[in-house]
Protein backbone atom coordinates (compact mmCIF):
# COMPACT_ATOMS: atom_id res chain seq x y z
CA MET A 1 -0.04 -0.01 -0.01
CA GLU A 2 2.91 2.34 0.83
CA ALA A 3 4.44 1.62 -2.56
CA LEU A 4 1.22 2.46 -4.30
CA GLN A 5 0.96 5.75 -2.43
CA ARG A 6 4.51 6.70 -3.32
CA ALA A 7 3.99 5.95 -7.12
CA ASN A 8 0.77 8.12 -7.05
CA ASP A 9 2.61 10.93 -5.40
CA ILE A 10 5.38 10.65 -8.04
CA ARG A 11 2.88 10.73 -10.94
CA THR A 12 1.13 13.68 -9.36
CA ARG A 13 4.42 15.61 -9.03
CA ARG A 14 5.52 14.84 -12.62
CA ALA A 15 2.18 15.86 -13.99
CA GLN A 16 2.36 19.14 -12.22
CA LEU A 17 6.03 19.62 -13.47
CA LYS A 18 4.94 18.98 -17.00
CA ARG A 19 2.22 21.53 -16.64
CA ASP A 20 4.78 24.05 -15.32
CA LEU A 21 7.18 23.37 -18.19
CA LYS A 22 4.33 23.73 -20.69
CA ALA A 23 3.44 27.16 -19.09
CA GLY A 24 7.08 28.22 -18.85
CA ARG A 25 7.16 28.42 -15.12
CA GLN A 26 10.04 26.00 -14.89
CA PRO A 27 13.23 26.09 -17.14
CA ILE A 28 14.09 22.68 -18.60
CA ASP A 29 17.82 23.27 -18.33
CA ARG A 30 17.84 23.52 -14.51
CA LEU A 31 15.67 20.30 -14.21
CA LEU A 32 18.11 18.48 -16.43
CA LEU A 33 21.19 19.70 -14.39
CA GLU A 34 19.75 19.19 -10.97
CA PRO A 35 16.78 16.79 -11.34
CA PRO A 36 14.63 16.26 -8.21
CA ASP A 37 14.39 12.62 -6.91
CA TYR A 38 11.03 12.03 -8.38
CA LEU A 39 12.29 12.53 -11.90
CA ALA A 40 15.00 9.91 -11.82
CA THR A 41 12.95 7.34 -13.49
CA ALA A 42 11.16 9.77 -15.89
CA LYS A 43 11.96 9.42 -19.59
CA VAL A 44 13.95 12.28 -21.03
CA PHE A 45 11.92 12.11 -24.25
CA ASP A 46 8.64 12.62 -22.28
CA LEU A 47 10.03 15.58 -20.32
CA LEU A 48 11.23 17.36 -23.52
CA LEU A 49 7.84 16.81 -25.10
CA ALA A 50 6.37 18.91 -22.34
CA VAL A 51 8.44 21.99 -23.38
CA PRO A 52 6.53 24.42 -25.54
CA LYS A 53 7.22 24.19 -29.30
CA TYR A 54 8.87 20.87 -28.97
CA GLY A 55 7.20 17.91 -30.72
CA ARG A 56 8.26 14.37 -31.48
CA VAL A 57 10.34 15.13 -34.47
CA LYS A 58 12.34 18.03 -32.84
CA VAL A 59 12.81 15.90 -29.56
CA ASN A 60 14.05 12.86 -31.56
CA LYS A 61 16.43 15.16 -33.57
CA ILE A 62 17.93 16.77 -30.32
CA LEU A 63 18.25 13.25 -28.70
CA GLY A 64 20.03 11.93 -31.78
CA GLN A 65 22.42 14.88 -31.74
CA CYS A 66 23.31 14.11 -28.08
CA LYS A 67 23.37 10.27 -28.78
CA ILE A 68 20.65 9.60 -26.19
CA SER A 69 18.20 6.87 -26.64
CA PRO A 70 14.58 7.87 -26.58
CA SER A 71 13.94 5.34 -23.74
CA LYS A 72 16.76 6.99 -21.49
CA THR A 73 15.64 8.09 -18.10
CA VAL A 74 16.73 11.48 -16.52
CA GLY A 75 18.54 9.47 -13.86
CA GLY A 76 20.38 7.40 -16.38
CA LEU A 77 21.90 10.35 -18.19
CA SER A 78 25.73 10.47 -18.11
CA GLU A 79 27.42 13.88 -17.37
CA ARG A 80 28.36 14.28 -20.97
CA GLN A 81 24.75 13.56 -22.19
CA ARG A 82 23.45 15.87 -19.60
CA ARG A 83 25.76 18.74 -20.60
CA GLU A 84 25.34 18.39 -24.21
CA LEU A 85 21.41 18.20 -23.86
CA VAL A 86 21.49 21.33 -21.59
CA ALA A 87 23.76 23.20 -24.10
CA LEU A 88 21.36 22.34 -27.02
CA MET A 89 18.32 23.37 -25.08
CA ARG A 90 19.81 26.69 -24.13
CA ARG A 91 20.49 27.53 -27.78
CA ARG A 92 16.95 27.01 -28.96
């Protein structure tokens, strides 16, 4: 029961975070550099899709440039991948 409650809490927090990203209240670069604990198992692809003006094609192109698999989680990013992704996101 405790695990179910924890999972629901994580889903709720991620949903709110995606709404904040969509509204521009939360910068994506800060989230990628210093992700909160509840984002560790979130897919990078899904997180980038929540950013305004970023669709599947653009997100796939960015992930390809950084050599990041679409199934990679935020917690699974290497430092190099994290830095490259943040640099690309700041340029756009």
